[in-house]
Protein backbone atom coordinates (compact mmCIF):
# COMPACT_ATOMS: atom_id res chain seq x y z
CA UNK A 1 -54.32 -152.68 50.81
CA UNK A 2 -54.30 -152.30 54.58
CA UNK A 3 -53.29 -155.34 56.65
CA UNK A 4 -56.05 -156.34 59.12
CA UNK A 5 -55.30 -155.99 62.81
CA UNK A 6 -53.82 -159.06 64.49
CA UNK A 7 -55.99 -161.26 66.67
CA UNK A 8 -54.12 -163.02 69.48
CA UNK A 9 -56.01 -165.92 71.03
CA UNK A 10 -54.69 -166.80 74.48
CA UNK A 11 -55.04 -169.98 76.50
CA UNK A 12 -55.35 -169.78 80.30
CA UNK A 13 -54.07 -172.84 82.20
CA UNK A 14 -50.28 -173.19 82.13
CA UNK A 15 -50.16 -170.28 79.65
CA UNK A 16 -51.34 -167.21 81.60
CA UNK A 17 -52.00 -168.87 84.97
CA UNK A 18 -51.39 -171.97 87.05
CA UNK A 19 -54.36 -173.42 88.93
CA UNK A 20 -54.04 -176.38 91.24
CA UNK A 21 -55.83 -178.04 94.10
CA UNK A 22 -52.43 -178.58 95.70
CA UNK A 23 -52.33 -176.75 99.06
CA UNK A 24 -48.53 -176.36 98.78
CA UNK A 25 -48.87 -173.60 96.14
CA UNK A 26 -48.26 -170.80 98.61
CA UNK A 27 -49.20 -168.14 98.50
CA UNK A 28 -51.75 -168.22 95.68
CA UNK A 29 -52.63 -164.93 94.01
CA UNK A 30 -56.31 -165.86 94.40
CA UNK A 31 -58.61 -168.86 94.70
CA UNK A 32 -61.45 -170.02 92.45
CA UNK A 33 -63.60 -172.71 94.06
CA UNK A 34 -61.07 -175.29 95.31
CA UNK A 35 -58.29 -174.08 92.99
CA UNK A 36 -55.33 -172.06 94.16
CA UNK A 37 -54.32 -169.82 91.28
CA UNK A 38 -51.08 -168.08 90.49
CA UNK A 39 -50.73 -165.52 87.72
CA UNK A 40 -47.80 -165.91 85.37
CA UNK A 41 -45.37 -163.08 86.21
CA UNK A 42 -46.05 -159.91 84.22
CA UNK A 43 -49.46 -161.11 82.95
CA UNK A 44 -51.10 -157.72 83.56
CA UNK A 45 -48.32 -155.86 81.75
CA UNK A 46 -48.36 -158.40 78.92
CA UNK A 47 -52.10 -158.09 78.34
CA UNK A 48 -52.00 -154.28 78.45
CA UNK A 49 -49.09 -154.13 75.98
CA UNK A 50 -50.57 -156.72 73.60
CA UNK A 51 -53.91 -154.89 73.54
CA UNK A 52 -52.16 -151.83 72.07
CA UNK A 53 -51.24 -153.64 68.83
CA UNK A 54 -53.72 -156.56 68.57
CA UNK A 55 -57.24 -157.66 69.36
CA UNK A 56 -57.30 -160.24 72.15
CA UNK A 57 -59.45 -163.28 72.80
CA UNK A 58 -59.35 -165.98 75.46
CA UNK A 59 -60.00 -169.61 74.58
CA UNK A 60 -59.65 -172.38 77.15
CA UNK A 61 -60.79 -175.99 77.20
CA UNK A 62 -61.97 -175.56 80.80
CA UNK A 63 -65.57 -175.02 81.93
CA UNK A 64 -67.40 -171.75 81.28
CA UNK A 65 -67.78 -170.81 84.95
CA UNK A 66 -64.07 -171.43 85.64
CA UNK A 67 -62.94 -169.48 82.55
CA UNK A 68 -65.21 -166.52 83.35
CA UNK A 69 -63.98 -166.42 86.96
CA UNK A 70 -60.30 -166.51 85.91
CA UNK A 71 -60.77 -163.84 83.23
CA UNK A 72 -62.45 -161.52 85.78
CA UNK A 73 -59.38 -161.89 88.02
CA UNK A 74 -56.56 -161.49 85.47
CA UNK A 75 -57.77 -159.27 82.62
CA UNK A 76 -57.69 -155.54 83.40
CA UNK A 77 -61.04 -153.74 83.06
CA UNK A 78 -59.47 -151.43 80.48
CA UNK A 79 -59.10 -154.33 78.00
CA UNK A 80 -62.04 -155.26 75.83
CA UNK A 81 -61.72 -158.90 74.78
CA UNK A 82 -63.17 -159.95 71.42
CA UNK A 83 -64.44 -163.18 72.97
CA UNK A 84 -64.04 -165.45 75.99
CA UNK A 85 -64.59 -169.07 75.00
CA UNK A 86 -64.49 -172.26 77.00
CA UNK A 87 -64.82 -175.99 76.39
CA UNK A 88 -68.23 -175.66 74.68
CA UNK A 89 -66.45 -173.95 71.74
CA UNK A 90 -63.84 -176.72 71.48
CA UNK A 91 -64.11 -179.88 69.40
CA UNK A 92 -63.81 -183.22 71.18
CA UNK A 93 -61.21 -185.61 69.71
CA UNK A 94 -60.18 -189.11 70.68
CA UNK A 95 -56.60 -190.35 70.86
CA UNK A 96 -56.81 -194.09 70.14
CA UNK A 97 -53.22 -194.72 71.26
CA UNK A 98 -53.67 -193.06 74.66
CA UNK A 99 -57.34 -194.11 74.75
CA UNK A 100 -58.46 -190.72 76.00
CA UNK A 101 -60.39 -187.70 74.84
CA UNK A 102 -58.91 -184.27 74.36
CA UNK A 103 -60.17 -180.89 73.16
CA UNK A 104 -59.18 -179.04 69.99
CA UNK A 105 -59.56 -175.31 69.31
CA UNK A 106 -60.67 -175.07 65.69
CA UNK A 107 -59.89 -171.61 64.32
CA UNK A 108 -62.68 -171.92 61.74
CA UNK A 109 -64.89 -170.63 64.58
CA UNK A 110 -62.72 -167.50 64.80
CA UNK A 111 -62.91 -167.04 61.03
CA UNK A 112 -66.72 -167.00 61.33
CA UNK A 113 -66.30 -163.86 63.47
CA UNK A 114 -64.66 -162.18 60.47
CA UNK A 115 -60.99 -162.64 61.35
CA UNK A 116 -58.82 -163.86 58.46
CA UNK A 117 -56.73 -166.77 59.69
CA UNK A 118 -53.68 -165.16 58.08
CA UNK A 119 -53.83 -162.59 60.92
CA UNK A 120 -54.59 -164.89 63.88
CA UNK A 121 -52.00 -166.14 66.38
CA UNK A 122 -52.93 -168.82 68.92
CA UNK A 123 -50.80 -168.82 72.09
CA UNK A 124 -51.01 -172.10 74.01
CA UNK A 125 -48.77 -174.54 75.89
CA UNK A 126 -50.47 -177.64 74.39
CA UNK A 127 -49.81 -178.41 70.70
CA UNK A 128 -52.66 -180.91 70.47
CA UNK A 129 -55.15 -178.11 71.18
CA UNK A 130 -54.26 -176.38 67.89
CA UNK A 131 -53.41 -179.45 65.80
CA UNK A 132 -55.59 -178.19 62.94
CA UNK A 133 -53.80 -174.84 62.70
CA UNK A 134 -50.08 -175.20 63.40
CA UNK A 135 -49.32 -172.23 61.14
CA UNK A 136 -51.12 -170.01 63.65
CA UNK A 137 -49.56 -171.59 66.73
CA UNK A 138 -47.10 -169.92 69.08
CA UNK A 139 -46.10 -172.42 71.76
CA UNK A 140 -45.14 -171.22 75.20
CA UNK A 141 -43.42 -173.27 77.86
CA UNK A 142 -45.97 -174.39 80.45
CA UNK A 143 -46.17 -172.26 83.58
CA UNK A 144 -46.22 -174.25 86.82
CA UNK A 145 -46.06 -171.39 89.29
CA UNK A 146 -42.39 -170.31 89.14
CA UNK A 147 -42.35 -166.65 90.13
CA UNK A 148 -39.00 -166.21 88.33
CA UNK A 149 -40.66 -167.05 84.98
CA UNK A 150 -39.97 -164.35 82.36
CA UNK A 151 -41.76 -165.74 79.28
CA UNK A 152 -44.38 -163.01 78.85
CA UNK A 153 -42.08 -160.02 78.16
CA UNK A 154 -40.31 -162.07 75.44
CA UNK A 155 -43.66 -163.24 74.09
CA UNK A 156 -44.97 -159.68 73.87
CA UNK A 157 -41.93 -158.60 71.84
CA UNK A 158 -42.25 -161.64 69.59
CA UNK A 159 -45.97 -161.15 68.94
CA UNK A 160 -45.38 -157.46 68.23
CA UNK A 161 -43.05 -158.52 65.39
CA UNK A 162 -46.13 -159.80 63.49
CA UNK A 163 -47.84 -156.41 63.23
CA UNK A 164 -46.85 -155.93 59.59
CA UNK A 165 -46.70 -159.60 58.51
CA UNK A 166 -49.55 -160.11 56.00
CA UNK A 167 -49.75 -163.87 56.61
CA UNK A 168 -48.57 -165.06 60.04
CA UNK A 169 -48.94 -168.68 58.91
CA UNK A 170 -45.92 -168.33 56.61
CA UNK A 171 -43.54 -167.61 59.51
CA UNK A 172 -41.81 -170.54 61.25
CA UNK A 173 -42.60 -170.18 64.95
CA UNK A 174 -40.97 -173.28 66.42
CA UNK A 175 -38.04 -172.26 68.57
CA UNK A 176 -39.17 -168.63 68.72
CA UNK A 177 -38.09 -168.28 72.33
CA UNK A 178 -34.58 -169.55 71.63
CA UNK A 179 -34.35 -167.23 68.62
CA UNK A 180 -35.64 -164.34 70.72
CA UNK A 181 -33.09 -165.04 73.48
CA UNK A 182 -30.28 -165.31 70.91
CA UNK A 183 -31.25 -161.98 69.34
CA UNK A 184 -31.40 -160.35 72.79
CA UNK A 185 -28.01 -161.74 73.89
CA UNK A 186 -26.42 -160.62 70.63
CA UNK A 187 -27.92 -157.15 71.03
CA UNK A 188 -26.80 -156.82 74.66
CA UNK A 189 -23.48 -158.66 74.49
CA UNK A 190 -22.45 -157.96 70.93
CA UNK A 191 -22.67 -161.61 69.80
CA UNK A 192 -19.81 -164.02 69.20
């Protein structure tokens, strides 16, 4: 039986970009309304590479107009996204300890599109956004504008390793970046 193609669902803010109203973020790559936006380094290359081995979707808890504007600026025209979802596709939750609302991305909505959850990876910097589907979650360190950030090339290699994994939910993903860096240093330096 053939393994279905991977679906990688990507967050925007602090995952692929950094948007802020802070005028000290200089120079921004572009502006959207009053936000100064910086792309995470290598985002174009990452998206192009990931699209060769997986279907891609964008899911943010921001407003539709904001999400659409960001996607138009960062996703190359050559990439056909499976969906671009915003806050209206999220589920509102309430944290009684913090006494505040937050938004959850429920992958049941992706399953309704015909994607088996065993082949879906959700890349996000906020664990609470995917609290219902930790087995699908790949956490990235938040991006705050550092142009020396090199997360995306490592992430692309890591995600590529799931191409032939029948059920991505069975793989422990916590610490993936440390494991990835350890593998790379052992390969380059010969290990200890």
